[in-house]
Amino acid sequence: MALKNLEDLLGEDVSGRYVLVRSDLNVPLDGDKITDDGRVRAALPTLKRLAEAGAKVVVTAHLGRPKGEPDPKFSLAPVAAKLTELLGVDVPLAGDLVGESAKATVAGLHDGQVALLENVRFDARETSKVEAERQELAAELAALVPGGAFVSDGFGVVHRKQASVYEIARALPAYAGGLVLAEVDVLKKLTEDLARPYVVVLGGAKVSDKLGVIANLLTKVDRLLIGGGMAYTFLKAQGHEVGNSLLQEDQLDQVRGFLAEAEKRGVELILPVDVLAATGFAADAEFDVVDATAIPAGRMGLDIGPKSRELFAGKLADAATVFWNGPMGVFEFESFAGGTRAVAEALVKSDAFTVVGGGDSAAAVRQLGLPEDGFSHISTGGGASLEYLEGKELPGVAVLGEND
């Protein structure tokens, strides 16, 4: 499916024309301070190209999970300030989404200027399960930019049928932004004609978040490495005690099925062999390195241990293709960041095509100070990447293919 894209739009001469861009600017905040600006920086190339071509660029995005109404703690004000800093020109923030402030802000744009609308999720219609309500909001967004075009550049939201992602692409001439195109191209490399051995590293807290992707990957990968909180449900499914470690009892049967399926298909499913067993969930918690099959009662595993780090690095060493999603431990705590660092460093050293699957993995790479160019690709959309690898259609991409 060939998608109309940013190059096609720029070829039409956008000078003086409104272009509504859906970006993914859902950044982590500490108060009003952005703690990881990776998604803002990833949005810049498309915004810069449109502005340099003379378009009047109107950006829509979400932040956090407000309950369908304005909430100051989820305002995009810190993002507008960061865009102003990175673009080197003032990026005004409208005080609302489609109200009087938005209309005035958009009407006041000069050619080549960028403005940001307030959090799209301040309007309950954005995420409504009722299509007509989403269409109504999309129509109001389209009315803000008369004669305008739509550029979908927020890969982190293309797996959602939401007004500013899906319905708007039917309300305006729609194009894929450079970021979305790049992400889709990378995911195709992970699903079509991929180089082997193909190794996937999955971490993070919950098995239940990754049921579909594990089931699908077991039919495609050569090796599956499991770390993070989800590893303890796998260890328990093998009959081992996991103390107070994160455990999803209701997923044990499902996980036993995965273990059996991996064995049947000849997929190497690698679990930690040792862990850092801590006295509690805290940055300064005392811990011991223990065998993964002998976690003491009252202790919780907060990271994979040194032997596991060596094992995982060894299983990555000869890989030709690697996808990594999810940290190996509580990387936010320095004492429990070693496992995540070991996996990341193994990928940096690798000659493989390496993809970091967004979310906490991407945040960890930046927090740990590792070179972003040491990886073939760092995705901006963890959930979207996983759904694609699960074999699901991404509605926000599919709708772009409806354009003639």
Protein backbone atom coordinates (compact mmCIF):
# COMPACT_ATOMS: atom_id res chain seq x y z
CA MET A 1 0.00 0.00 0.00
CA ALA A 2 1.65 3.23 -1.17
CA LEU A 3 0.86 6.09 1.14
CA LYS A 4 0.64 9.69 0.04
CA ASN A 5 3.39 11.32 2.05
CA LEU A 6 5.08 14.53 3.03
CA GLU A 7 7.06 14.66 -0.21
CA ASP A 8 3.81 14.51 -2.19
CA LEU A 9 2.36 17.37 -0.15
CA LEU A 10 5.47 19.54 -0.45
CA GLY A 11 5.37 18.96 -4.19
CA GLU A 12 1.98 20.72 -4.25
CA ASP A 13 3.43 24.01 -2.94
CA VAL A 14 2.16 24.59 0.59
CA SER A 15 3.28 28.19 0.91
CA GLY A 16 0.52 30.09 2.72
CA ARG A 17 -1.57 26.90 3.13
CA TYR A 18 -2.72 25.54 6.46
CA VAL A 19 -1.34 22.11 7.39
CA LEU A 20 -2.70 20.32 10.46
CA VAL A 21 -0.09 17.94 11.86
CA ARG A 22 -0.86 15.19 14.38
CA SER A 23 2.36 14.74 16.34
CA ASP A 24 3.12 12.47 19.28
CA LEU A 25 4.27 14.84 21.99
CA ASN A 26 3.24 12.66 24.94
CA VAL A 27 6.38 13.26 26.98
CA PRO A 28 7.09 12.31 30.60
CA LEU A 29 6.88 15.24 33.01
CA ASP A 30 8.16 15.95 36.50
CA GLY A 31 5.88 18.82 37.47
CA ASP A 32 6.17 21.10 34.45
CA LYS A 33 9.64 19.83 33.49
CA ILE A 34 10.02 17.43 30.55
CA THR A 35 12.26 14.56 31.68
CA ASP A 36 12.72 13.01 28.21
CA ASP A 37 12.25 15.20 25.13
CA GLY A 38 12.86 12.39 22.61
CA ARG A 39 9.37 12.55 21.13
CA VAL A 40 9.52 16.33 20.73
CA ARG A 41 12.84 16.06 18.90
CA ALA A 42 11.46 13.26 16.71
CA ALA A 43 8.58 15.55 15.66
CA LEU A 44 10.88 18.38 14.55
CA PRO A 45 11.92 17.28 11.03
CA THR A 46 8.36 17.24 9.65
CA LEU A 47 7.46 20.54 11.37
CA LYS A 48 10.64 22.21 10.12
CA ARG A 49 10.16 21.08 6.53
CA LEU A 50 6.60 22.35 6.44
CA ALA A 51 7.53 25.67 8.06
CA GLU A 52 10.49 26.14 5.71
CA ALA A 53 8.13 25.55 2.77
CA GLY A 54 5.96 28.42 4.02
CA ALA A 55 3.03 26.44 5.42
CA LYS A 56 0.96 27.66 8.33
CA VAL A 57 1.53 24.68 10.62
CA VAL A 58 -1.06 23.78 13.26
CA VAL A 59 0.00 20.97 15.59
CA THR A 60 -2.36 18.77 17.56
CA ALA A 61 -1.21 16.29 20.19
CA HIS A 62 -2.12 14.73 23.51
CA LEU A 63 -0.37 14.50 26.86
CA GLY A 64 -1.19 11.97 29.54
CA ARG A 65 -4.67 10.72 30.27
CA PRO A 66 -6.96 13.60 31.18
CA LYS A 67 -10.57 12.57 31.60
CA GLY A 68 -11.98 14.32 28.54
CA GLU A 69 -11.92 17.79 30.06
CA PRO A 70 -9.30 20.50 30.68
CA ASP A 71 -6.81 19.65 33.44
CA PRO A 72 -3.90 22.07 34.04
CA LYS A 73 -1.47 19.29 34.96
CA PHE A 74 -1.85 17.85 31.45
CA SER A 75 -1.45 21.17 29.61
CA LEU A 76 0.87 21.16 26.60
CA ALA A 77 2.48 24.40 27.86
CA PRO A 78 5.83 22.67 28.66
CA VAL A 79 5.80 21.14 25.17
CA ALA A 80 5.14 24.51 23.54
CA ALA A 81 8.10 25.91 25.48
CA LYS A 82 10.31 23.00 24.37
CA LEU A 83 9.24 23.42 20.71
CA THR A 84 10.01 27.14 20.97
CA GLU A 85 13.47 26.30 22.33
CA LEU A 86 14.26 23.62 19.73
CA LEU A 87 12.83 25.44 16.70
CA GLY A 88 14.36 28.75 17.75
CA VAL A 89 11.09 30.62 17.06
CA ASP A 90 8.06 31.31 19.20
CA VAL A 91 5.48 28.51 19.08
CA PRO A 92 2.22 29.90 20.49
CA LEU A 93 -0.06 27.57 22.44
CA ALA A 94 -3.81 28.00 21.99
CA GLY A 95 -5.75 27.99 25.25
CA ASP A 96 -8.16 25.39 23.92
CA LEU A 97 -8.55 22.86 21.13
CA VAL A 98 -11.28 24.12 18.79
CA GLY A 99 -12.63 27.11 20.74
CA GLU A 100 -12.16 30.86 20.45
CA SER A 101 -8.49 30.77 21.49
CA ALA A 102 -7.68 28.09 18.90
CA LYS A 103 -9.51 30.01 16.18
CA ALA A 104 -7.67 33.24 17.03
CA THR A 105 -4.29 31.52 17.27
CA VAL A 106 -4.69 29.78 13.92
CA ALA A 107 -6.06 32.89 12.22
CA GLY A 108 -3.03 34.86 13.43
CA LEU A 109 -0.45 32.50 11.94
CA HIS A 110 2.01 33.86 9.40
CA ASP A 111 3.45 31.78 6.56
CA GLY A 112 6.12 29.47 7.94
CA GLN A 113 4.90 29.73 11.54
CA VAL A 114 4.05 26.83 13.87
CA ALA A 115 1.33 26.87 16.54
CA LEU A 116 0.21 24.21 19.00
CA LEU A 117 -3.38 23.48 19.99
CA GLU A 118 -4.10 22.55 23.60
CA ASN A 119 -4.26 18.87 24.60
CA VAL A 120 -6.62 17.08 22.19
CA ARG A 121 -7.72 14.77 25.00
CA PHE A 122 -9.22 17.71 26.86
CA ASP A 123 -12.16 17.00 24.54
CA ALA A 124 -13.94 13.72 25.34
CA ARG A 125 -14.86 13.28 21.67
CA GLU A 126 -11.23 12.55 20.79
CA THR A 127 -11.32 9.09 22.38
CA SER A 128 -15.09 8.50 22.22
CA LYS A 129 -16.24 5.02 21.27
CA VAL A 130 -19.04 6.69 19.29
CA GLU A 131 -17.86 7.30 15.74
CA ALA A 132 -20.24 10.22 15.16
CA GLU A 133 -18.75 12.07 18.13
CA ARG A 134 -15.22 11.57 16.83
CA GLN A 135 -16.35 12.73 13.37
CA GLU A 136 -17.85 15.87 14.90
CA LEU A 137 -14.55 16.79 16.55
CA ALA A 138 -12.63 16.01 13.35
CA ALA A 139 -14.97 18.33 11.42
CA GLU A 140 -14.29 21.13 13.92
CA LEU A 141 -10.53 20.57 13.64
CA ALA A 142 -10.80 20.63 9.84
CA ALA A 143 -12.79 23.88 10.03
CA LEU A 144 -9.87 25.51 11.86
CA VAL A 145 -7.68 25.05 8.78
CA PRO A 146 -9.80 26.02 5.73
CA GLY A 147 -8.32 24.66 2.52
CA GLY A 148 -5.80 22.79 4.61
CA ALA A 149 -4.17 19.37 4.55
CA PHE A 150 -3.53 16.80 7.28
CA VAL A 151 -0.16 15.18 8.02
CA SER A 152 -0.15 12.14 10.29
CA ASP A 153 3.21 12.14 12.05
CA GLY A 154 2.40 10.74 15.49
CA PHE A 155 3.39 7.09 15.17
CA GLY A 156 2.74 6.50 18.87
CA VAL A 157 -1.01 6.93 18.29
CA VAL A 158 -1.63 5.31 14.88
CA HIS A 159 -2.92 2.15 16.56
CA ARG A 160 -5.86 4.16 17.91
CA LYS A 161 -9.12 5.07 16.17
CA GLN A 162 -9.25 8.59 17.53
CA ALA A 163 -10.60 11.80 16.05
CA SER A 164 -7.22 13.51 15.55
CA VAL A 165 -5.69 10.33 14.10
CA TYR A 166 -8.36 8.50 12.11
CA GLU A 167 -11.45 10.61 11.41
CA ILE A 168 -9.42 13.73 10.58
CA ALA A 169 -7.66 11.76 7.82
CA ARG A 170 -11.05 11.40 6.14
CA ALA A 171 -12.02 15.03 6.71
CA LEU A 172 -8.93 16.54 5.03
CA PRO A 173 -6.52 15.52 2.26
CA ALA A 174 -4.22 13.24 4.28
CA TYR A 175 -0.52 12.44 4.08
CA ALA A 176 1.93 10.32 6.06
CA GLY A 177 4.64 12.33 7.79
CA GLY A 178 8.29 11.39 7.60
CA LEU A 179 8.27 9.86 11.08
CA VAL A 180 5.30 7.58 10.39
CA LEU A 181 6.80 6.48 7.06
CA ALA A 182 10.16 5.69 8.69
CA GLU A 183 8.51 3.69 11.47
CA VAL A 184 6.40 1.64 9.06
CA ASP A 185 9.46 0.92 6.90
CA VAL A 186 11.36 -0.35 9.94
CA LEU A 187 8.49 -2.57 11.06
CA LYS A 188 8.29 -4.08 7.59
CA LYS A 189 11.95 -5.07 7.99
CA LEU A 190 10.95 -6.93 11.15
CA THR A 191 8.12 -8.82 9.46
CA GLU A 192 9.06 -9.23 5.79
CA ASP A 193 12.30 -10.76 4.47
CA LEU A 194 14.07 -10.31 7.78
CA ALA A 195 17.66 -11.42 8.33
CA ARG A 196 18.22 -14.28 10.78
CA PRO A 197 18.90 -15.13 13.53
CA TYR A 198 15.96 -12.97 14.65
CA VAL A 199 16.06 -12.29 18.38
CA VAL A 200 13.40 -10.44 20.36
CA VAL A 201 13.98 -9.14 23.89
CA LEU A 202 10.84 -8.42 25.90
CA GLY A 203 10.72 -6.84 29.33
CA GLY A 204 8.49 -4.52 31.27
CA ALA A 205 6.06 -5.23 34.04
CA LYS A 206 3.20 -7.35 32.78
CA VAL A 207 2.84 -10.43 30.61
CA SER A 208 -0.79 -9.46 30.00
CA ASP A 209 0.35 -6.37 28.07
CA LYS A 210 2.19 -8.56 25.57
CA LEU A 211 0.07 -11.71 25.18
CA GLY A 212 -0.75 -11.14 21.53
CA VAL A 213 2.74 -10.16 20.51
CA ILE A 214 4.34 -13.14 22.28
CA ALA A 215 1.91 -15.54 20.60
CA ASN A 216 2.67 -14.06 17.18
CA LEU A 217 6.43 -13.80 17.70
CA LEU A 218 6.68 -17.47 18.66
CA THR A 219 5.82 -18.23 15.02
CA LYS A 220 8.58 -15.94 13.71
CA VAL A 221 11.58 -15.60 16.02
CA ASP A 222 14.62 -17.77 16.56
CA ARG A 223 15.12 -16.63 20.15
CA LEU A 224 12.91 -14.87 22.69
CA LEU A 225 14.60 -13.34 25.73
CA ILE A 226 12.29 -12.49 28.63
CA GLY A 227 13.30 -10.08 31.41
CA GLY A 228 11.70 -7.43 33.57
CA GLY A 229 8.73 -7.99 35.84
CA MET A 230 7.08 -10.33 33.35
CA ALA A 231 9.92 -12.86 33.77
CA TYR A 232 8.65 -13.82 37.23
CA THR A 233 5.35 -15.09 35.85
CA PHE A 234 7.37 -17.27 33.45
CA LEU A 235 9.57 -18.54 36.30
CA LYS A 236 6.49 -19.30 38.43
CA ALA A 237 4.93 -21.13 35.46
CA GLN A 238 8.01 -23.35 35.44
CA GLY A 239 7.32 -24.20 39.08
CA HIS A 240 9.77 -21.85 40.81
CA GLU A 241 8.96 -19.65 43.80
CA VAL A 242 9.33 -15.92 43.14
CA GLY A 243 8.90 -14.42 46.61
CA ASN A 244 7.26 -11.00 46.49
CA SER A 245 8.25 -10.39 42.86
CA LEU A 246 5.70 -9.06 40.42
CA LEU A 247 3.46 -11.98 39.49
CA GLN A 248 0.31 -12.34 37.38
CA GLU A 249 -1.26 -15.51 38.75
CA ASP A 250 -4.10 -15.29 36.22
CA GLN A 251 -1.61 -15.57 33.34
CA LEU A 252 0.17 -18.73 34.47
CA ASP A 253 -1.78 -21.10 32.21
CA GLN A 254 -1.24 -18.78 29.24
CA VAL A 255 2.49 -18.64 29.96
CA ARG A 256 2.72 -22.42 30.29
CA GLY A 257 1.19 -22.54 26.83
CA PHE A 258 3.88 -20.17 25.53
CA LEU A 259 6.62 -22.35 27.04
CA ALA A 260 5.16 -25.45 25.40
CA GLU A 261 4.72 -23.67 22.05
CA ALA A 262 8.31 -22.42 22.10
CA GLU A 263 9.59 -25.95 22.74
CA LYS A 264 7.37 -27.37 19.99
CA ARG A 265 8.58 -24.80 17.45
CA GLY A 266 12.24 -25.00 18.42
CA VAL A 267 12.30 -21.38 19.60
CA GLU A 268 14.91 -20.68 22.29
CA LEU A 269 12.99 -19.02 25.12
CA ILE A 270 15.58 -17.58 27.50
CA LEU A 271 14.73 -16.56 31.07
CA PRO A 272 16.97 -14.96 33.72
CA VAL A 273 19.22 -17.39 35.60
CA ASP A 274 19.88 -14.98 38.47
CA VAL A 275 18.21 -11.83 39.79
CA LEU A 276 18.76 -8.97 42.20
CA ALA A 277 16.39 -9.90 45.03
CA ALA A 278 15.57 -6.76 47.01
CA THR A 279 13.99 -6.23 50.41
CA GLY A 280 11.47 -3.79 48.93
CA PHE A 281 10.60 -1.56 46.01
CA ALA A 282 12.90 1.39 46.62
CA ALA A 283 15.98 2.96 45.08
CA ASP A 284 18.01 2.26 48.21
CA ALA A 285 16.58 -1.19 48.98
CA GLU A 286 19.10 -3.81 50.11
CA PHE A 287 19.47 -6.73 47.72
CA ASP A 288 21.33 -9.96 47.13
CA VAL A 289 22.15 -11.70 43.87
CA VAL A 290 20.30 -15.03 43.98
CA ASP A 291 19.56 -17.87 41.61
CA ALA A 292 16.38 -17.14 39.65
CA THR A 293 14.98 -20.46 40.84
CA ALA A 294 15.63 -19.65 44.50
CA ILE A 295 14.19 -16.20 45.22
CA PRO A 296 13.68 -16.03 49.00
CA ALA A 297 10.24 -15.45 50.49
CA GLY A 298 9.81 -11.78 51.30
CA ARG A 299 12.23 -10.66 48.56
CA MET A 300 11.35 -9.22 45.16
CA GLY A 301 13.35 -9.41 41.95
CA LEU A 302 14.06 -5.89 40.66
CA ASP A 303 16.62 -6.66 37.96
CA ILE A 304 18.30 -9.51 36.16
CA GLY A 305 21.62 -10.56 37.70
CA PRO A 306 25.19 -10.58 36.34
CA LYS A 307 25.01 -14.13 34.95
CA SER A 308 21.74 -13.30 33.18
CA ARG A 309 23.27 -10.16 31.70
CA GLU A 310 26.14 -12.22 30.32
CA LEU A 311 23.71 -14.88 29.04
CA PHE A 312 21.46 -12.34 27.32
CA ALA A 313 24.43 -10.53 25.74
CA GLY A 314 25.70 -13.86 24.43
CA LYS A 315 22.33 -14.70 22.90
CA LEU A 316 22.37 -11.32 21.12
CA ALA A 317 25.94 -11.53 19.88
CA ASP A 318 25.26 -13.45 16.65
CA ALA A 319 21.84 -11.95 15.91
CA ALA A 320 21.15 -10.42 12.50
CA THR A 321 17.87 -8.74 13.54
CA VAL A 322 16.90 -7.63 17.06
CA PHE A 323 13.73 -6.02 18.42
CA TRP A 324 13.82 -4.89 22.06
CA ASN A 325 10.80 -3.69 24.02
CA GLY A 326 10.75 -3.27 27.76
CA PRO A 327 13.43 -2.80 30.46
CA MET A 328 15.06 -5.73 32.26
CA GLY A 329 14.53 -4.20 35.68
CA VAL A 330 13.54 -1.03 37.51
CA PHE A 331 16.01 1.05 35.48
CA GLU A 332 14.75 4.28 37.09
CA PHE A 333 16.62 3.13 40.23
CA GLU A 334 20.38 3.21 39.61
CA SER A 335 21.00 0.02 41.60
CA PHE A 336 18.58 -1.89 39.37
CA ALA A 337 19.51 -0.44 35.96
CA GLY A 338 22.38 -2.83 35.23
CA GLY A 339 20.33 -5.42 33.34
CA THR A 340 18.74 -2.87 31.04
CA ARG A 341 22.13 -1.26 30.44
CA ALA A 342 23.68 -4.65 29.61
CA VAL A 343 21.05 -5.39 26.95
CA ALA A 344 21.33 -1.90 25.48
CA GLU A 345 25.14 -2.08 25.37
CA ALA A 346 24.98 -5.50 23.71
CA LEU A 347 22.80 -3.99 20.98
CA VAL A 348 25.16 -1.04 20.51
CA LYS A 349 28.05 -3.50 20.01
CA SER A 350 26.00 -5.68 17.65
CA ASP A 351 26.26 -5.64 13.87
CA ALA A 352 22.56 -6.59 13.69
CA PHE A 353 19.66 -4.46 12.50
CA THR A 354 18.59 -3.29 15.96
CA VAL A 355 15.23 -1.71 16.80
CA VAL A 356 14.38 -0.27 20.21
CA GLY A 357 10.61 -0.52 20.49
CA GLY A 358 9.73 2.82 22.04
CA GLY A 359 8.24 3.51 25.46
CA ASP A 360 10.38 2.74 28.50
CA SER A 361 13.10 1.12 26.39
CA ALA A 362 13.69 4.34 24.46
CA ALA A 363 13.55 6.35 27.69
CA ALA A 364 16.11 3.98 29.25
CA VAL A 365 18.54 4.42 26.34
CA ARG A 366 18.48 8.17 26.87
CA GLN A 367 18.48 8.04 30.68
CA LEU A 368 21.48 5.69 30.69
CA GLY A 369 23.36 8.06 28.39
CA LEU A 370 23.83 5.57 25.56
CA PRO A 371 24.39 6.85 22.01
CA GLU A 372 21.11 6.90 20.12
CA ASP A 373 22.95 6.38 16.85
CA GLY A 374 24.27 3.11 18.25
CA PHE A 375 20.93 1.55 17.32
CA SER A 376 19.51 1.14 13.83
CA HIS A 377 16.20 2.65 14.93
CA ILE A 378 14.61 3.91 18.13
CA SER A 379 10.84 3.85 17.77
CA THR A 380 8.61 6.59 19.15
CA GLY A 381 5.64 4.25 19.55
CA GLY A 382 5.89 1.26 21.85
CA GLY A 383 2.21 0.27 21.72
CA ALA A 384 1.93 0.80 17.97
CA SER A 385 5.10 -1.22 17.33
CA LEU A 386 3.82 -4.11 19.44
CA GLU A 387 0.42 -4.15 17.74
CA TYR A 388 2.07 -4.22 14.31
CA LEU A 389 4.29 -7.12 15.38
CA GLU A 390 1.19 -8.80 16.78
CA GLY A 391 -0.17 -8.78 13.24
CA LYS A 392 -2.83 -6.12 13.83
CA GLU A 393 -3.72 -3.42 11.34
CA LEU A 394 -2.85 0.11 12.45
CA PRO A 395 -6.02 2.16 11.77
CA GLY A 396 -4.15 5.48 11.61
CA VAL A 397 -1.92 4.10 8.86
CA ALA A 398 -4.60 2.14 7.01
CA VAL A 399 -6.80 5.25 6.69
CA LEU A 400 -3.96 7.08 4.92
CA GLY A 401 -4.04 4.41 2.25
CA GLU A 402 -7.64 5.32 1.44
CA ASN A 403 -6.44 8.46 -0.35
CA ASP A 404 -6.51 8.30 -4.14
